[in-house]
Amino acid sequence: MSGDLSILTLILNASIVVQGVLVLLLLLSLMSWAVVFNKWRLYSRNRRDAEAFSAAFWGGKDMDTVLAGIPQRYPNSALPNIFQAGYREFMRHKRDTSAEKGGKITAGGGLEGIRRALDAALSRELERMARHLSFLATVGSTSPFIGLFGTVWGIMNAFQNIALTKNTSLAAVAPGIAEALVATAFGLVAAIPAVVAYNKFTSDLKRMAANMEQFSSEFQNIISRHIKS
């Protein structure tokens, strides 16, 4: 083996198994970065839409007007979607009970149905926003071990070459050991951003979930004042 210890040379001279490990780690890293950028855009848009929607909702606008503007202003955004689910359930129940009981709305069924609609919408939004976060956690927890496997395999090959050549000088040992350690470095490069991003997005998701739960509770309080006992 030549004395060139550049990263590219070490990768090109690595065994097939080590090269396979490096390719796998590279793919995992690229996929995790794709998830990171996707979640960053999704969470940023949802935060902006939540702020704008809250300003419109609490600004005294009629709920029908707020509902009508959602498809254009907040397409597929979490907080407006929750409002839509609850308010449409309220209007549906209002139409049904108006037809059956001459306009009087009973408290029990209406509030319970609205609460279930809000809870279901909240669960759907949280599931949608949490999708693929587990992949970041998986990459963060497994990449170091995948890299370690490549390192162990590379060191085994290095020792086998030493046994065959009977040359234990540093010049002979260093290239094989360096080649093996590249796999560990690749594992850490894949794992560290994934772990940092997972922790960041999990924290952001918890804050957004708390805001959505608070809005759901406040919306139920508003609707309860419009339902006759």
C-alpha atoms as a PDB file:
ATOM      1  CA  MET A   1       0.000   0.000   0.000  1.00  0.00           C
ATOM      2  CA  SER A   2       1.267   3.479  -0.828  1.00  0.00           C
ATOM      3  CA  GLY A   3       2.034   6.037   1.848  1.00  0.00           C
ATOM      4  CA  ASP A   4      -0.750   8.373   0.703  1.00  0.00           C
ATOM      5  CA  LEU A   5      -3.187   8.661   3.631  1.00  0.00           C
ATOM      6  CA  SER A   6      -5.677  11.079   2.081  1.00  0.00           C
ATOM      7  CA  ILE A   7      -9.340  10.298   2.753  1.00  0.00           C
ATOM      8  CA  LEU A   8     -10.091   9.593  -0.907  1.00  0.00           C
ATOM      9  CA  THR A   9      -7.154   7.211  -1.232  1.00  0.00           C
ATOM     10  CA  LEU A  10      -8.119   5.372   1.941  1.00  0.00           C
ATOM     11  CA  ILE A  11     -11.702   4.962   0.689  1.00  0.00           C
ATOM     12  CA  LEU A  12     -10.607   3.743  -2.743  1.00  0.00           C
ATOM     13  CA  ASN A  13      -8.144   1.244  -1.209  1.00  0.00           C
ATOM     14  CA  ALA A  14     -10.612  -0.020   1.407  1.00  0.00           C
ATOM     15  CA  SER A  15     -12.056  -3.506   1.261  1.00  0.00           C
ATOM     16  CA  ILE A  16     -15.431  -4.149  -0.335  1.00  0.00           C
ATOM     17  CA  VAL A  17     -17.098  -4.532   3.079  1.00  0.00           C
ATOM     18  CA  VAL A  18     -15.704  -1.247   4.376  1.00  0.00           C
ATOM     19  CA  GLN A  19     -16.651   0.531   1.158  1.00  0.00           C
ATOM     20  CA  GLY A  20     -20.165  -0.900   1.479  1.00  0.00           C
ATOM     21  CA  VAL A  21     -20.372   0.445   5.029  1.00  0.00           C
ATOM     22  CA  LEU A  22     -19.237   3.871   3.850  1.00  0.00           C
ATOM     23  CA  VAL A  23     -21.805   3.912   1.037  1.00  0.00           C
ATOM     24  CA  LEU A  24     -24.549   2.907   3.487  1.00  0.00           C
ATOM     25  CA  LEU A  25     -23.544   5.654   5.905  1.00  0.00           C
ATOM     26  CA  LEU A  26     -23.445   8.178   3.073  1.00  0.00           C
ATOM     27  CA  LEU A  27     -26.969   7.206   2.008  1.00  0.00           C
ATOM     28  CA  LEU A  28     -28.241   7.417   5.589  1.00  0.00           C
ATOM     29  CA  SER A  29     -26.645  10.831   5.967  1.00  0.00           C
ATOM     30  CA  LEU A  30     -28.186  12.143   2.742  1.00  0.00           C
ATOM     31  CA  MET A  31     -31.615  10.790   3.686  1.00  0.00           C
ATOM     32  CA  SER A  32     -31.411  12.301   7.161  1.00  0.00           C
ATOM     33  CA  TRP A  33     -30.467  15.686   5.713  1.00  0.00           C
ATOM     34  CA  ALA A  34     -33.447  15.439   3.363  1.00  0.00           C
ATOM     35  CA  VAL A  35     -35.684  14.838   6.391  1.00  0.00           C
ATOM     36  CA  VAL A  36     -34.033  17.748   8.224  1.00  0.00           C
ATOM     37  CA  PHE A  37     -34.701  20.233   5.410  1.00  0.00           C
ATOM     38  CA  ASN A  38     -38.235  18.930   4.943  1.00  0.00           C
ATOM     39  CA  LYS A  39     -39.046  19.271   8.635  1.00  0.00           C
ATOM     40  CA  TRP A  40     -37.410  22.675   8.846  1.00  0.00           C
ATOM     41  CA  ARG A  41     -39.637  23.966   6.029  1.00  0.00           C
ATOM     42  CA  LEU A  42     -42.740  22.279   7.445  1.00  0.00           C
ATOM     43  CA  TYR A  43     -42.264  23.532  11.001  1.00  0.00           C
ATOM     44  CA  SER A  44     -41.323  27.045   9.896  1.00  0.00           C
ATOM     45  CA  ARG A  45     -44.413  27.300   7.704  1.00  0.00           C
ATOM     46  CA  ASN A  46     -46.671  25.940  10.426  1.00  0.00           C
ATOM     47  CA  ARG A  47     -45.325  28.428  12.968  1.00  0.00           C
ATOM     48  CA  ARG A  48     -45.890  31.337  10.577  1.00  0.00           C
ATOM     49  CA  ASP A  49     -49.374  30.116   9.665  1.00  0.00           C
ATOM     50  CA  ALA A  50     -50.265  29.557  13.319  1.00  0.00           C
ATOM     51  CA  GLU A  51     -49.278  33.118  14.217  1.00  0.00           C
ATOM     52  CA  ALA A  52     -51.187  34.603  11.271  1.00  0.00           C
ATOM     53  CA  PHE A  53     -54.238  32.410  11.871  1.00  0.00           C
ATOM     54  CA  SER A  54     -54.315  33.210  15.591  1.00  0.00           C
ATOM     55  CA  ALA A  55     -54.164  36.928  14.801  1.00  0.00           C
ATOM     56  CA  ALA A  56     -57.095  36.561  12.386  1.00  0.00           C
ATOM     57  CA  PHE A  57     -59.095  34.284  14.696  1.00  0.00           C
ATOM     58  CA  TRP A  58     -58.710  36.413  17.810  1.00  0.00           C
ATOM     59  CA  GLY A  59     -58.976  39.644  15.837  1.00  0.00           C
ATOM     60  CA  GLY A  60     -62.772  39.568  15.950  1.00  0.00           C
ATOM     61  CA  LYS A  61     -63.443  38.158  12.490  1.00  0.00           C
ATOM     62  CA  ASP A  62     -66.544  36.068  11.892  1.00  0.00           C
ATOM     63  CA  MET A  63     -65.757  32.341  12.052  1.00  0.00           C
ATOM     64  CA  ASP A  64     -67.383  31.723   8.674  1.00  0.00           C
ATOM     65  CA  THR A  65     -65.055  34.338   7.173  1.00  0.00           C
ATOM     66  CA  VAL A  66     -62.049  32.731   8.852  1.00  0.00           C
ATOM     67  CA  LEU A  67     -63.113  29.307   7.600  1.00  0.00           C
ATOM     68  CA  ALA A  68     -63.586  30.552   4.029  1.00  0.00           C
ATOM     69  CA  GLY A  69     -60.075  32.003   3.901  1.00  0.00           C
ATOM     70  CA  ILE A  70     -58.237  28.893   5.112  1.00  0.00           C
ATOM     71  CA  PRO A  71     -57.787  27.036   1.761  1.00  0.00           C
ATOM     72  CA  GLN A  72     -56.129  30.053   0.154  1.00  0.00           C
ATOM     73  CA  ARG A  73     -54.137  31.454   3.074  1.00  0.00           C
ATOM     74  CA  TYR A  74     -53.274  28.346   5.143  1.00  0.00           C
ATOM     75  CA  PRO A  75     -53.247  25.265   2.893  1.00  0.00           C
ATOM     76  CA  ASN A  76     -52.694  22.095   4.919  1.00  0.00           C
ATOM     77  CA  SER A  77     -51.540  23.923   8.049  1.00  0.00           C
ATOM     78  CA  ALA A  78     -51.981  22.346  11.472  1.00  0.00           C
ATOM     79  CA  LEU A  79     -53.831  24.955  13.547  1.00  0.00           C
ATOM     80  CA  PRO A  80     -56.278  25.993  10.787  1.00  0.00           C
ATOM     81  CA  ASN A  81     -56.965  22.308  10.087  1.00  0.00           C
ATOM     82  CA  ILE A  82     -57.892  21.759  13.726  1.00  0.00           C
ATOM     83  CA  PHE A  83     -60.200  24.775  13.645  1.00  0.00           C
ATOM     84  CA  GLN A  84     -61.834  23.497  10.455  1.00  0.00           C
ATOM     85  CA  ALA A  85     -62.526  20.092  11.986  1.00  0.00           C
ATOM     86  CA  GLY A  86     -64.091  21.555  15.136  1.00  0.00           C
ATOM     87  CA  TYR A  87     -66.104  24.310  13.462  1.00  0.00           C
ATOM     88  CA  ARG A  88     -67.455  22.064  10.709  1.00  0.00           C
ATOM     89  CA  GLU A  89     -68.539  19.535  13.317  1.00  0.00           C
ATOM     90  CA  PHE A  90     -70.282  22.354  15.203  1.00  0.00           C
ATOM     91  CA  MET A  91     -72.072  23.529  12.025  1.00  0.00           C
ATOM     92  CA  ARG A  92     -73.036  19.974  11.096  1.00  0.00           C
ATOM     93  CA  HIS A  93     -74.481  19.356  14.548  1.00  0.00           C
ATOM     94  CA  LYS A  94     -76.236  22.711  14.434  1.00  0.00           C
ATOM     95  CA  ARG A  95     -77.903  21.872  11.117  1.00  0.00           C
ATOM     96  CA  ASP A  96     -78.930  18.405  12.277  1.00  0.00           C
ATOM     97  CA  THR A  97     -80.417  19.521  15.577  1.00  0.00           C
ATOM     98  CA  SER A  98     -82.102  22.540  14.005  1.00  0.00           C
ATOM     99  CA  ALA A  99     -83.900  20.245  11.596  1.00  0.00           C
ATOM    100  CA  GLU A 100     -84.871  17.759  14.303  1.00  0.00           C
ATOM    101  CA  LYS A 101     -85.675  19.973  17.293  1.00  0.00           C
ATOM    102  CA  GLY A 102     -86.838  23.244  15.857  1.00  0.00           C
ATOM    103  CA  GLY A 103     -83.576  25.072  16.327  1.00  0.00           C
ATOM    104  CA  LYS A 104     -82.714  24.050  19.904  1.00  0.00           C
ATOM    105  CA  ILE A 105     -79.232  22.547  20.250  1.00  0.00           C
ATOM    106  CA  THR A 106     -78.705  20.093  23.103  1.00  0.00           C
ATOM    107  CA  ALA A 107     -75.470  20.402  25.081  1.00  0.00           C
ATOM    108  CA  GLY A 108     -74.266  16.847  25.561  1.00  0.00           C
ATOM    109  CA  GLY A 109     -73.979  15.421  22.075  1.00  0.00           C
ATOM    110  CA  GLY A 110     -72.838  18.637  20.468  1.00  0.00           C
ATOM    111  CA  LEU A 111     -69.925  19.383  22.761  1.00  0.00           C
ATOM    112  CA  GLU A 112     -68.820  15.761  22.871  1.00  0.00           C
ATOM    113  CA  GLY A 113     -68.874  15.480  19.095  1.00  0.00           C
ATOM    114  CA  ILE A 114     -66.899  18.701  18.714  1.00  0.00           C
ATOM    115  CA  ARG A 115     -64.375  17.555  21.309  1.00  0.00           C
ATOM    116  CA  ARG A 116     -63.887  14.249  19.474  1.00  0.00           C
ATOM    117  CA  ALA A 117     -63.478  16.054  16.140  1.00  0.00           C
ATOM    118  CA  LEU A 118     -60.869  18.397  17.629  1.00  0.00           C
ATOM    119  CA  ASP A 119     -59.000  15.532  19.303  1.00  0.00           C
ATOM    120  CA  ALA A 120     -58.991  13.503  16.075  1.00  0.00           C
ATOM    121  CA  ALA A 121     -57.731  16.472  14.055  1.00  0.00           C
ATOM    122  CA  LEU A 122     -55.044  17.193  16.652  1.00  0.00           C
ATOM    123  CA  SER A 123     -53.873  13.577  16.540  1.00  0.00           C
ATOM    124  CA  ARG A 124     -53.741  13.612  12.747  1.00  0.00           C
ATOM    125  CA  GLU A 125     -51.715  16.813  12.660  1.00  0.00           C
ATOM    126  CA  LEU A 126     -49.264  15.613  15.295  1.00  0.00           C
ATOM    127  CA  GLU A 127     -48.821  12.325  13.467  1.00  0.00           C
ATOM    128  CA  ARG A 128     -48.221  14.155  10.181  1.00  0.00           C
ATOM    129  CA  MET A 129     -45.715  16.544  11.722  1.00  0.00           C
ATOM    130  CA  ALA A 130     -43.889  13.783  13.601  1.00  0.00           C
ATOM    131  CA  ARG A 131     -43.575  11.576  10.516  1.00  0.00           C
ATOM    132  CA  HIS A 132     -39.965  10.534   9.758  1.00  0.00           C
ATOM    133  CA  LEU A 133     -38.626  11.938  13.041  1.00  0.00           C
ATOM    134  CA  SER A 134     -38.080   8.351  14.143  1.00  0.00           C
ATOM    135  CA  PHE A 135     -35.800   7.919  11.125  1.00  0.00           C
ATOM    136  CA  LEU A 136     -33.530  10.666  12.464  1.00  0.00           C
ATOM    137  CA  ALA A 137     -33.461   8.917  15.822  1.00  0.00           C
ATOM    138  CA  THR A 138     -32.606   5.618  14.138  1.00  0.00           C
ATOM    139  CA  VAL A 139     -29.789   7.164  12.105  1.00  0.00           C
ATOM    140  CA  GLY A 140     -28.425   8.919  15.180  1.00  0.00           C
ATOM    141  CA  SER A 141     -28.400   5.756  17.276  1.00  0.00           C
ATOM    142  CA  THR A 142     -27.231   3.190  14.713  1.00  0.00           C
ATOM    143  CA  SER A 143     -24.749   5.066  12.511  1.00  0.00           C
ATOM    144  CA  PRO A 144     -21.893   4.954  15.064  1.00  0.00           C
ATOM    145  CA  PHE A 145     -22.311   1.183  15.375  1.00  0.00           C
ATOM    146  CA  ILE A 146     -22.424   0.723  11.604  1.00  0.00           C
ATOM    147  CA  GLY A 147     -19.230   2.757  11.372  1.00  0.00           C
ATOM    148  CA  LEU A 148     -17.724   0.728  14.202  1.00  0.00           C
ATOM    149  CA  PHE A 149     -18.488  -2.471  12.291  1.00  0.00           C
ATOM    150  CA  GLY A 150     -16.570  -1.081   9.309  1.00  0.00           C
ATOM    151  CA  THR A 151     -13.706  -0.122  11.614  1.00  0.00           C
ATOM    152  CA  VAL A 152     -13.504  -3.569  13.187  1.00  0.00           C
ATOM    153  CA  TRP A 153     -13.593  -5.217   9.768  1.00  0.00           C
ATOM    154  CA  GLY A 154     -10.881  -2.901   8.466  1.00  0.00           C
ATOM    155  CA  ILE A 155      -8.643  -3.529  11.471  1.00  0.00           C
ATOM    156  CA  MET A 156      -9.091  -7.280  11.026  1.00  0.00           C
ATOM    157  CA  ASN A 157      -7.931  -6.934   7.426  1.00  0.00           C
ATOM    158  CA  ALA A 158      -5.001  -4.792   8.551  1.00  0.00           C
ATOM    159  CA  PHE A 159      -3.859  -7.425  11.033  1.00  0.00           C
ATOM    160  CA  GLN A 160      -4.244 -10.147   8.432  1.00  0.00           C
ATOM    161  CA  ASN A 161      -2.028  -8.168   6.046  1.00  0.00           C
ATOM    162  CA  ILE A 162       0.537  -7.712   8.814  1.00  0.00           C
ATOM    163  CA  ALA A 163       0.535 -11.462   9.439  1.00  0.00           C
ATOM    164  CA  LEU A 164       0.979 -12.183   5.738  1.00  0.00           C
ATOM    165  CA  THR A 165       3.752  -9.636   5.123  1.00  0.00           C
ATOM    166  CA  LYS A 166       5.361 -10.031   8.576  1.00  0.00           C
ATOM    167  CA  ASN A 167       5.974  -6.284   8.528  1.00  0.00           C
ATOM    168  CA  THR A 168       5.003  -4.488  11.741  1.00  0.00           C
ATOM    169  CA  SER A 169       6.554  -1.120  11.024  1.00  0.00           C
ATOM    170  CA  LEU A 170       4.415   1.982  11.473  1.00  0.00           C
ATOM    171  CA  ALA A 171       4.600   2.704   7.741  1.00  0.00           C
ATOM    172  CA  ALA A 172       3.032  -0.674   7.015  1.00  0.00           C
ATOM    173  CA  VAL A 173       0.416  -0.586   9.797  1.00  0.00           C
ATOM    174  CA  ALA A 174      -0.756   3.031   9.542  1.00  0.00           C
ATOM    175  CA  PRO A 175      -2.581   2.857   6.175  1.00  0.00           C
ATOM    176  CA  GLY A 176      -4.706  -0.136   7.197  1.00  0.00           C
ATOM    177  CA  ILE A 177      -5.610   1.351  10.597  1.00  0.00           C
ATOM    178  CA  ALA A 178      -6.378   4.747   9.040  1.00  0.00           C
ATOM    179  CA  GLU A 179      -8.596   3.088   6.440  1.00  0.00           C
ATOM    180  CA  ALA A 180     -10.536   1.363   9.198  1.00  0.00           C
ATOM    181  CA  LEU A 181     -10.979   4.535  11.250  1.00  0.00           C
ATOM    182  CA  VAL A 182     -12.529   6.340   8.291  1.00  0.00           C
ATOM    183  CA  ALA A 183     -15.639   4.215   8.822  1.00  0.00           C
ATOM    184  CA  THR A 184     -15.938   5.443  12.411  1.00  0.00           C
ATOM    185  CA  ALA A 185     -15.590   9.033  11.225  1.00  0.00           C
ATOM    186  CA  PHE A 186     -18.325   8.523   8.623  1.00  0.00           C
ATOM    187  CA  GLY A 187     -20.579   7.033  11.296  1.00  0.00           C
ATOM    188  CA  LEU A 188     -20.146  10.069  13.525  1.00  0.00           C
ATOM    189  CA  VAL A 189     -20.663  12.464  10.615  1.00  0.00           C
ATOM    190  CA  ALA A 190     -23.982  10.742   9.868  1.00  0.00           C
ATOM    191  CA  ALA A 191     -25.067  10.428  13.508  1.00  0.00           C
ATOM    192  CA  ILE A 192     -24.312  13.828  15.052  1.00  0.00           C
ATOM    193  CA  PRO A 193     -26.488  16.006  12.760  1.00  0.00           C
ATOM    194  CA  ALA A 194     -29.317  13.474  12.977  1.00  0.00           C
ATOM    195  CA  VAL A 195     -29.273  13.496  16.793  1.00  0.00           C
ATOM    196  CA  VAL A 196     -29.093  17.292  16.991  1.00  0.00           C
ATOM    197  CA  ALA A 197     -31.935  17.683  14.468  1.00  0.00           C
ATOM    198  CA  TYR A 198     -34.076  15.058  16.208  1.00  0.00           C
ATOM    199  CA  ASN A 199     -33.745  16.786  19.578  1.00  0.00           C
ATOM    200  CA  LYS A 200     -34.455  20.198  18.028  1.00  0.00           C
ATOM    201  CA  PHE A 201     -37.523  19.075  16.085  1.00  0.00           C
ATOM    202  CA  THR A 202     -38.881  17.062  19.001  1.00  0.00           C
ATOM    203  CA  SER A 203     -38.678  20.147  21.200  1.00  0.00           C
ATOM    204  CA  ASP A 204     -40.340  22.280  18.508  1.00  0.00           C
ATOM    205  CA  LEU A 205     -43.089  19.694  18.055  1.00  0.00           C
ATOM    206  CA  LYS A 206     -43.829  19.666  21.789  1.00  0.00           C
ATOM    207  CA  ARG A 207     -44.233  23.443  21.792  1.00  0.00           C
ATOM    208  CA  MET A 208     -46.499  23.363  18.754  1.00  0.00           C
ATOM    209  CA  ALA A 209     -48.525  20.528  20.276  1.00  0.00           C
ATOM    210  CA  ALA A 210     -49.012  22.562  23.454  1.00  0.00           C
ATOM    211  CA  ASN A 211     -50.187  25.549  21.403  1.00  0.00           C
ATOM    212  CA  MET A 212     -52.611  23.395  19.437  1.00  0.00           C
ATOM    213  CA  GLU A 213     -53.993  21.809  22.603  1.00  0.00           C
ATOM    214  CA  GLN A 214     -54.467  25.250  24.139  1.00  0.00           C
ATOM    215  CA  PHE A 215     -56.279  26.505  21.041  1.00  0.00           C
ATOM    216  CA  SER A 216     -58.482  23.390  21.015  1.00  0.00           C
ATOM    217  CA  SER A 217     -59.445  23.975  24.634  1.00  0.00           C
ATOM    218  CA  GLU A 218     -60.179  27.660  24.075  1.00  0.00           C
ATOM    219  CA  PHE A 219     -62.196  26.889  20.955  1.00  0.00           C
ATOM    220  CA  GLN A 220     -64.316  24.409  22.907  1.00  0.00           C
ATOM    221  CA  ASN A 221     -64.966  27.090  25.521  1.00  0.00           C
ATOM    222  CA  ILE A 222     -66.109  29.501  22.818  1.00  0.00           C
ATOM    223  CA  ILE A 223     -68.387  26.945  21.193  1.00  0.00           C
ATOM    224  CA  SER A 224     -69.879  25.908  24.547  1.00  0.00           C
ATOM    225  CA  ARG A 225     -71.218  29.425  24.985  1.00  0.00           C
ATOM    226  CA  HIS A 226     -73.150  29.055  21.714  1.00  0.00           C
ATOM    227  CA  ILE A 227     -74.735  25.736  22.619  1.00  0.00           C
ATOM    228  CA  LYS A 228     -77.977  25.910  24.567  1.00  0.00           C
ATOM    229  CA  SER A 229     -78.532  23.519  27.414  1.00  0.00           C
END
